[in-house]
């Protein structure tokens, strides 16, 4: 099943946990704010993305 990942940059707390947990899906811009580099990650990354979303202190990561 396909996964769609997005993030709300305005609420990002720059904790970097998403990048740590799923570096193939998340990165940070020059200000340290979250960037989604793979909005449709392959199935083998789904659990890492869910973990990143659960670990986001501001709930800025959205998974559908």
Protein backbone atom coordinates (compact mmCIF):
# COMPACT_ATOMS: atom_id res chain seq x y z
CA UNK A 1 0.00 0.00 0.00
CA UNK A 2 1.26 3.47 -0.87
CA UNK A 3 2.27 5.95 1.80
CA UNK A 4 2.05 9.72 1.44
CA UNK A 5 4.31 11.79 3.72
CA UNK A 6 4.13 15.53 4.32
CA UNK A 7 5.37 17.93 6.97
CA UNK A 8 4.33 21.29 8.36
CA UNK A 9 7.46 23.43 8.29
CA UNK A 10 5.85 26.21 10.33
CA UNK A 11 5.49 24.01 13.40
CA UNK A 12 8.80 22.13 13.09
CA UNK A 13 10.81 22.31 16.33
CA UNK A 14 14.09 21.40 14.58
CA UNK A 15 14.60 18.34 16.81
CA UNK A 16 16.12 16.38 13.89
CA UNK A 17 14.54 13.13 15.09
CA UNK A 18 12.84 12.57 11.74
CA UNK A 19 16.16 12.82 9.89
CA UNK A 20 17.77 10.46 12.41
CA UNK A 21 14.98 7.87 12.10
CA UNK A 22 14.37 8.06 8.33
CA UNK A 23 17.22 9.86 6.54
CA UNK A 24 16.09 8.59 3.14
CA UNK A 25 12.75 10.39 3.60
CA UNK A 26 13.55 13.50 5.65
CA UNK A 27 16.20 16.20 5.50
CA UNK A 28 16.60 19.70 6.90
CA UNK A 29 16.81 23.01 5.07
CA UNK A 30 19.42 25.69 5.81
CA UNK A 31 17.44 26.75 8.89
CA UNK A 32 17.20 23.19 10.20
CA UNK A 33 13.50 22.89 9.37
CA UNK A 34 12.14 19.57 8.14
CA UNK A 35 12.00 18.81 4.43
CA UNK A 36 10.36 15.73 2.94
CA UNK A 37 12.69 14.43 0.24
CA UNK A 38 10.67 11.29 -0.55
CA UNK A 39 6.91 11.88 -0.12
CA UNK A 40 6.14 8.33 -1.34
CA UNK A 41 8.70 6.11 0.38
CA UNK A 42 8.98 2.41 -0.45
CA UNK A 43 7.35 -0.16 1.84
CA UNK A 44 10.60 -1.06 3.57
CA UNK A 45 10.77 2.51 4.99
CA UNK A 46 7.17 2.74 6.20
CA UNK A 47 7.91 1.68 9.79
CA UNK A 48 10.82 4.15 10.05
CA UNK A 49 8.55 6.94 8.76
CA UNK A 50 5.82 6.02 11.25
CA UNK A 51 8.43 6.03 14.02
CA UNK A 52 9.61 9.48 12.92
CA UNK A 53 6.03 10.76 12.92
CA UNK A 54 5.37 9.34 16.40
CA UNK A 55 8.62 10.85 17.68
CA UNK A 56 8.01 14.34 16.32
CA UNK A 57 7.56 16.59 19.38
CA UNK A 58 5.29 19.01 17.51
CA UNK A 59 3.41 16.42 15.40
CA UNK A 60 4.61 18.21 12.26
CA UNK A 61 4.96 15.00 10.24
CA UNK A 62 1.83 13.65 8.55
CA UNK A 63 1.46 10.13 7.18
CA UNK A 64 -1.45 8.92 5.07
